[in-house]
């Protein structure tokens, strides 16, 4: 039975941690231009996942079980992370695990922070870019305005959390996302990696946790619909039937998007992914392995040094 993991080519947990650390180091050492382009696609892919989420939530009335709707939304949103993982794109939430090579001192602080900045910037540009294209495509008015109404209601909920709520919801979201990335690293085929994304992503979306890069699409999308949707959206059947007006979304502003959501959620994502996944498993597996290797190295140096002294008794300090 103990031979089964090796027969199936399943990495041991310690080996998986080492592979994850190396993957994070390689990610942080990419050329800056390549890093930005991969972050651009990372933001765009997560945005597409949220587009799929919104589409899945249209027309689900009061009679439809809320829990089922949330799980459905989580499952379809996972397509975004699947695209990120399989394409090798850079997603800031996963990038928080570069804390691992930083702790091992194989990555410098400047490069570490620089990578985080490029990753965030690229994700933001990619996410907002998709939001603009969706606006120009007329998608918010589709299905008699039901698509855009889902965006508006979801966005309003996100900016009305307290700062503390947004932070802890961010902790849980990236805890789940980084565990999905961790599981995907153990995959030996594309199907393995795709399957690894399903459960953790569905968990965080269905539970209402907050993902900073996903919000970089959803919240700007809400602002764009609010300010530029016009009569085509605000007079649409779904909006009128719901009794909604643009004034109902006054709490959705650029200030609330940044100050009440993105900042606390980003900080929560750093804790949830960087510390509680990357840092935690570094302490569980990488740090003990490094200590054991150092002890073995010093132990093997001792006899060699003693032997050298015996061979050359005239050599001394």
Protein backbone atom coordinates (compact mmCIF):
# COMPACT_ATOMS: atom_id res chain seq x y z
CA UNK A 1 0.00 0.00 0.00
CA UNK A 2 2.89 2.36 0.78
CA UNK A 3 4.14 1.96 -2.81
CA UNK A 4 0.89 3.26 -4.33
CA UNK A 5 1.86 6.99 -4.35
CA UNK A 6 5.10 6.26 -6.21
CA UNK A 7 3.29 3.96 -8.64
CA UNK A 8 0.79 6.72 -9.37
CA UNK A 9 3.56 9.34 -9.52
CA UNK A 10 2.00 11.31 -6.67
CA UNK A 11 4.55 13.63 -5.00
CA UNK A 12 5.03 13.34 -1.26
CA UNK A 13 3.86 16.43 0.69
CA UNK A 14 7.45 17.58 1.37
CA UNK A 15 8.37 17.18 -2.30
CA UNK A 16 5.23 19.08 -3.29
CA UNK A 17 6.20 21.94 -0.96
CA UNK A 18 9.66 22.06 -2.53
CA UNK A 19 8.12 22.07 -6.02
CA UNK A 20 5.77 24.89 -5.02
CA UNK A 21 8.65 26.95 -3.64
CA UNK A 22 10.62 26.48 -6.87
CA UNK A 23 7.58 27.41 -8.95
CA UNK A 24 7.17 30.61 -6.94
CA UNK A 25 10.86 31.46 -7.31
CA UNK A 26 10.76 30.88 -11.07
CA UNK A 27 7.67 33.09 -11.29
CA UNK A 28 9.38 35.94 -9.43
CA UNK A 29 12.56 35.76 -11.53
CA UNK A 30 10.89 36.12 -14.92
CA UNK A 31 11.83 39.20 -17.00
CA UNK A 32 9.69 42.17 -16.02
CA UNK A 33 8.00 42.46 -19.41
CA UNK A 34 7.05 38.80 -19.52
CA UNK A 35 5.87 39.04 -15.92
CA UNK A 36 3.53 41.92 -16.78
CA UNK A 37 2.10 40.17 -19.84
CA UNK A 38 1.39 37.03 -17.82
CA UNK A 39 -0.26 39.17 -15.13
CA UNK A 40 -2.34 40.84 -17.83
CA UNK A 41 -3.71 37.50 -18.98
CA UNK A 42 -4.15 36.39 -15.36
CA UNK A 43 -6.45 39.33 -14.67
CA UNK A 44 -8.33 38.82 -17.93
CA UNK A 45 -8.91 35.11 -17.26
CA UNK A 46 -10.27 35.72 -13.77
CA UNK A 47 -12.52 38.43 -15.23
CA UNK A 48 -13.86 35.91 -17.74
CA UNK A 49 -14.56 33.56 -14.86
CA UNK A 50 -16.65 36.28 -13.22
CA UNK A 51 -18.44 36.93 -16.53
CA UNK A 52 -19.43 33.26 -16.48
CA UNK A 53 -20.50 33.59 -12.84
CA UNK A 54 -22.77 36.55 -13.62
CA UNK A 55 -24.29 34.73 -16.58
CA UNK A 56 -25.11 31.74 -14.36
CA UNK A 57 -26.98 33.90 -11.83
CA UNK A 58 -29.43 35.57 -14.24
CA UNK A 59 -33.11 34.94 -13.74
CA UNK A 60 -32.73 32.86 -10.58
CA UNK A 61 -35.86 33.95 -8.76
CA UNK A 62 -36.82 33.64 -5.11
CA UNK A 63 -38.07 30.09 -5.68
CA UNK A 64 -34.62 28.88 -6.75
CA UNK A 65 -32.57 27.48 -3.82
CA UNK A 66 -30.00 30.11 -2.86
CA UNK A 67 -27.36 27.58 -1.84
CA UNK A 68 -27.59 25.76 -5.15
CA UNK A 69 -27.27 29.06 -7.02
CA UNK A 70 -24.13 29.94 -5.06
CA UNK A 71 -22.52 26.55 -5.68
CA UNK A 72 -23.36 26.80 -9.37
CA UNK A 73 -21.73 30.22 -9.49
CA UNK A 74 -18.62 28.89 -7.77
CA UNK A 75 -18.26 25.97 -10.15
CA UNK A 76 -18.50 28.11 -13.27
CA UNK A 77 -16.19 30.80 -11.84
CA UNK A 78 -13.48 28.16 -11.41
CA UNK A 79 -12.97 28.27 -15.19
CA UNK A 80 -11.01 31.48 -14.61
CA UNK A 81 -8.48 29.82 -12.30
CA UNK A 82 -8.27 26.81 -14.61
CA UNK A 83 -7.19 29.11 -17.45
CA UNK A 84 -4.64 30.81 -15.19
CA UNK A 85 -3.11 27.55 -13.95
CA UNK A 86 -2.90 25.77 -17.30
CA UNK A 87 -1.59 28.83 -19.18
CA UNK A 88 1.01 29.70 -16.55
CA UNK A 89 -0.41 33.20 -16.14
CA UNK A 90 0.43 35.33 -13.12
CA UNK A 91 -2.31 35.91 -10.55
CA UNK A 92 -1.51 38.14 -7.58
CA UNK A 93 -3.42 35.97 -5.14
CA UNK A 94 -1.27 32.96 -6.01
CA UNK A 95 1.82 35.14 -6.22
CA UNK A 96 1.52 35.86 -2.49
CA UNK A 97 3.14 32.45 -1.98
CA UNK A 98 6.46 33.87 -3.18
CA UNK A 99 6.86 34.40 0.55
CA UNK A 100 8.30 30.85 0.47
CA UNK A 101 11.51 31.62 -1.48
CA UNK A 102 11.77 34.91 0.41
CA UNK A 103 11.87 33.01 3.71
CA UNK A 104 14.48 30.67 2.23
CA UNK A 105 16.53 33.74 1.23
CA UNK A 106 16.66 32.59 -2.39
CA UNK A 107 14.63 35.67 -3.37
CA UNK A 108 15.59 39.23 -2.47
CA UNK A 109 13.15 41.65 -0.88
CA UNK A 110 13.33 44.13 -3.76
CA UNK A 111 12.55 41.54 -6.40
CA UNK A 112 9.82 40.08 -4.20
CA UNK A 113 8.03 43.42 -3.76
CA UNK A 114 8.62 44.35 -7.40
CA UNK A 115 6.97 41.16 -8.55
CA UNK A 116 3.98 41.82 -6.33
CA UNK A 117 3.62 45.31 -7.77
CA UNK A 118 3.86 44.15 -11.39
CA UNK A 119 1.43 41.30 -10.71
CA UNK A 120 -1.16 43.62 -9.16
CA UNK A 121 -0.80 46.19 -11.94
CA UNK A 122 -1.08 43.62 -14.71
CA UNK A 123 -4.07 41.93 -13.09
CA UNK A 124 -5.82 45.29 -12.71
CA UNK A 125 -5.24 46.30 -16.34
CA UNK A 126 -6.39 42.90 -17.61
CA UNK A 127 -9.51 42.88 -15.42
CA UNK A 128 -10.57 46.44 -16.24
CA UNK A 129 -9.84 45.82 -19.91
CA UNK A 130 -12.33 42.95 -19.95
CA UNK A 131 -14.87 45.12 -18.09
CA UNK A 132 -14.60 47.81 -20.77
CA UNK A 133 -15.01 45.29 -23.58
CA UNK A 134 -18.06 43.80 -21.85
CA UNK A 135 -19.61 47.28 -21.53
CA UNK A 136 -18.96 48.08 -25.19
CA UNK A 137 -20.39 44.73 -26.25
CA UNK A 138 -23.76 45.61 -24.72
CA UNK A 139 -23.70 42.56 -22.47
CA UNK A 140 -25.04 44.43 -19.38
CA UNK A 141 -28.34 45.02 -21.22
CA UNK A 142 -28.61 41.40 -22.31
CA UNK A 143 -31.56 39.28 -21.16
CA UNK A 144 -33.61 42.44 -20.59
CA UNK A 145 -30.97 43.90 -18.27
CA UNK A 146 -30.76 40.85 -16.00
CA UNK A 147 -27.02 40.45 -16.61
CA UNK A 148 -26.16 43.97 -15.53
CA UNK A 149 -28.52 43.80 -12.56
CA UNK A 150 -26.57 40.84 -11.16
CA UNK A 151 -23.39 42.90 -11.46
CA UNK A 152 -24.91 45.92 -9.74
CA UNK A 153 -26.34 43.97 -6.81
CA UNK A 154 -23.15 41.96 -6.34
CA UNK A 155 -20.99 45.09 -6.48
CA UNK A 156 -23.16 46.91 -3.95
CA UNK A 157 -22.86 44.01 -1.52
CA UNK A 158 -19.08 44.03 -1.85
CA UNK A 159 -18.66 47.71 -0.95
CA UNK A 160 -21.02 47.59 2.02
CA UNK A 161 -18.96 45.14 4.07
CA UNK A 162 -17.20 46.66 7.06
CA UNK A 163 -13.43 46.98 6.68
CA UNK A 164 -12.90 44.08 9.07
CA UNK A 165 -15.40 41.88 7.27
CA UNK A 166 -13.76 42.56 3.91
CA UNK A 167 -10.33 41.72 5.37
CA UNK A 168 -11.36 38.37 6.84
CA UNK A 169 -13.42 37.44 3.79
CA UNK A 170 -10.23 38.11 1.83
CA UNK A 171 -8.24 35.84 4.16
CA UNK A 172 -10.60 32.93 3.55
CA UNK A 173 -10.82 33.50 -0.20
CA UNK A 174 -7.10 33.32 -0.86
CA UNK A 175 -6.63 30.52 1.64
CA UNK A 176 -8.91 28.49 -0.65
CA UNK A 177 -7.40 29.77 -3.90
CA UNK A 178 -3.82 29.02 -2.86
CA UNK A 179 -4.84 25.55 -1.73
CA UNK A 180 -6.31 25.08 -5.22
CA UNK A 181 -2.98 26.18 -6.74
CA UNK A 182 -1.16 23.86 -4.34
CA UNK A 183 -3.35 20.93 -5.37
CA UNK A 184 -2.91 21.79 -9.05
CA UNK A 185 0.88 21.68 -8.62
CA UNK A 186 0.54 18.01 -7.66
CA UNK A 187 -1.32 17.27 -10.91
CA UNK A 188 0.43 15.25 -13.59
CA UNK A 189 -1.99 16.07 -16.41
CA UNK A 190 -4.14 18.95 -17.57
CA UNK A 191 -7.21 17.08 -16.32
CA UNK A 192 -5.61 16.76 -12.86
CA UNK A 193 -4.95 20.50 -12.68
CA UNK A 194 -8.46 21.40 -13.84
CA UNK A 195 -10.08 19.07 -11.32
CA UNK A 196 -7.90 20.50 -8.53
CA UNK A 197 -9.37 23.97 -9.12
CA UNK A 198 -13.01 22.99 -8.82
CA UNK A 199 -13.55 22.28 -5.13
CA UNK A 200 -11.59 25.09 -3.44
CA UNK A 201 -12.83 27.75 -5.88
CA UNK A 202 -16.46 26.65 -5.57
CA UNK A 203 -15.99 26.74 -1.79
CA UNK A 204 -14.82 30.36 -1.67
CA UNK A 205 -17.30 31.73 -4.21
CA UNK A 206 -20.31 29.93 -2.75
CA UNK A 207 -19.33 31.13 0.73
CA UNK A 208 -19.17 34.77 -0.35
CA UNK A 209 -15.45 35.21 0.31
CA UNK A 210 -13.60 38.11 -1.33
CA UNK A 211 -10.96 37.73 -4.06
CA UNK A 212 -9.08 40.92 -4.91
CA UNK A 213 -8.44 40.20 -8.60
CA UNK A 214 -12.01 39.06 -9.20
CA UNK A 215 -13.14 42.31 -7.59
CA UNK A 216 -10.85 44.24 -9.95
CA UNK A 217 -13.30 43.16 -12.63
CA UNK A 218 -16.63 43.13 -10.80
CA UNK A 219 -16.38 46.50 -9.05
CA UNK A 220 -15.15 48.50 -12.09
CA UNK A 221 -17.85 46.71 -14.09
CA UNK A 222 -20.42 47.97 -11.60
CA UNK A 223 -19.04 51.52 -11.80
CA UNK A 224 -19.11 51.42 -15.61
CA UNK A 225 -22.72 50.24 -15.71
CA UNK A 226 -23.75 52.81 -13.11
CA UNK A 227 -22.13 55.74 -14.94
CA UNK A 228 -22.38 54.67 -18.59
CA UNK A 229 -25.22 52.14 -18.74
CA UNK A 230 -27.68 54.86 -19.74
CA UNK A 231 -31.35 54.35 -20.48
CA UNK A 232 -30.60 51.13 -22.34
CA UNK A 233 -29.82 49.54 -18.99
CA UNK A 234 -31.72 51.58 -16.39
CA UNK A 235 -34.97 51.35 -18.38
CA UNK A 236 -34.58 47.65 -19.14
CA UNK A 237 -37.32 45.24 -18.09
CA UNK A 238 -35.36 43.41 -15.38
CA UNK A 239 -34.24 46.65 -13.71
CA UNK A 240 -37.71 48.21 -13.80
CA UNK A 241 -39.33 45.01 -12.55
CA UNK A 242 -36.88 44.91 -9.63
CA UNK A 243 -37.76 48.53 -8.81
CA UNK A 244 -34.13 49.61 -9.02
CA UNK A 245 -32.83 53.08 -9.86
CA UNK A 246 -29.33 54.44 -10.25
CA UNK A 247 -29.70 56.22 -6.90
CA UNK A 248 -30.01 52.87 -5.15
CA UNK A 249 -26.32 52.34 -5.86
CA UNK A 250 -24.97 55.63 -4.52
CA UNK A 251 -22.71 53.68 -2.14
CA UNK A 252 -20.86 52.28 -5.16
CA UNK A 253 -18.15 54.87 -5.80
CA UNK A 254 -14.48 54.79 -6.72
CA UNK A 255 -13.64 55.63 -3.12
CA UNK A 256 -15.71 52.77 -1.71
CA UNK A 257 -14.32 50.36 -4.29
CA UNK A 258 -10.73 51.12 -3.31
CA UNK A 259 -11.03 52.01 0.36
CA UNK A 260 -13.82 49.72 1.52
CA UNK A 261 -13.04 46.69 -0.61
CA UNK A 262 -9.82 46.42 -2.60
CA UNK A 263 -7.41 47.55 0.13
CA UNK A 264 -8.74 45.34 2.96
CA UNK A 265 -9.33 42.43 0.59
CA UNK A 266 -5.79 42.61 -0.83
CA UNK A 267 -4.39 42.63 2.70
CA UNK A 268 -6.61 39.70 3.63
CA UNK A 269 -5.54 37.82 0.51
CA UNK A 270 -1.89 38.31 1.48
CA UNK A 271 -2.51 36.81 4.91
CA UNK A 272 -4.69 33.96 3.63
CA UNK A 273 -2.42 32.87 0.80
CA UNK A 274 1.04 34.15 1.61
CA UNK A 275 1.12 33.39 5.33
CA UNK A 276 -1.52 30.71 5.99
CA UNK A 277 -0.63 28.58 2.96
CA UNK A 278 2.83 29.52 1.68
CA UNK A 279 4.37 30.44 5.03
CA UNK A 280 2.62 27.63 6.89
CA UNK A 281 3.80 24.83 4.62
CA UNK A 282 7.25 26.41 4.38
CA UNK A 283 7.44 26.03 8.18
CA UNK A 284 6.07 22.48 7.99
CA UNK A 285 8.35 21.12 5.27
CA UNK A 286 10.97 23.50 3.86
CA UNK A 287 12.41 24.86 7.11
CA UNK A 288 12.90 21.40 8.71
CA UNK A 289 14.51 20.10 5.51
CA UNK A 290 16.90 23.06 5.45
CA UNK A 291 17.82 22.52 9.10
CA UNK A 292 18.40 18.81 8.51
CA UNK A 293 20.57 19.54 5.47
CA UNK A 294 22.59 22.10 7.42
CA UNK A 295 23.08 19.67 10.30
CA UNK A 296 24.16 16.91 7.94
CA UNK A 297 26.57 19.25 6.20
CA UNK A 298 28.16 20.41 9.45
CA UNK A 299 28.32 16.83 10.71
CA UNK A 300 30.07 15.61 7.59
CA UNK A 301 32.52 18.53 7.68
CA UNK A 302 33.64 17.68 11.24
CA UNK A 303 35.29 14.30 10.58
CA UNK A 304 36.78 15.59 7.34
CA UNK A 305 38.36 18.50 9.14
CA UNK A 306 39.63 16.23 11.90
CA UNK A 307 41.06 13.83 9.34
CA UNK A 308 42.82 16.66 7.58
CA UNK A 309 44.40 17.76 10.85
CA UNK A 310 45.66 14.25 11.57
CA UNK A 311 47.17 13.94 8.12
CA UNK A 312 49.04 17.22 8.52
CA UNK A 313 49.98 17.48 12.22
CA UNK A 314 52.20 20.45 11.57
CA UNK A 315 49.36 22.58 10.23
CA UNK A 316 47.64 24.64 12.83
CA UNK A 317 46.10 28.01 13.46
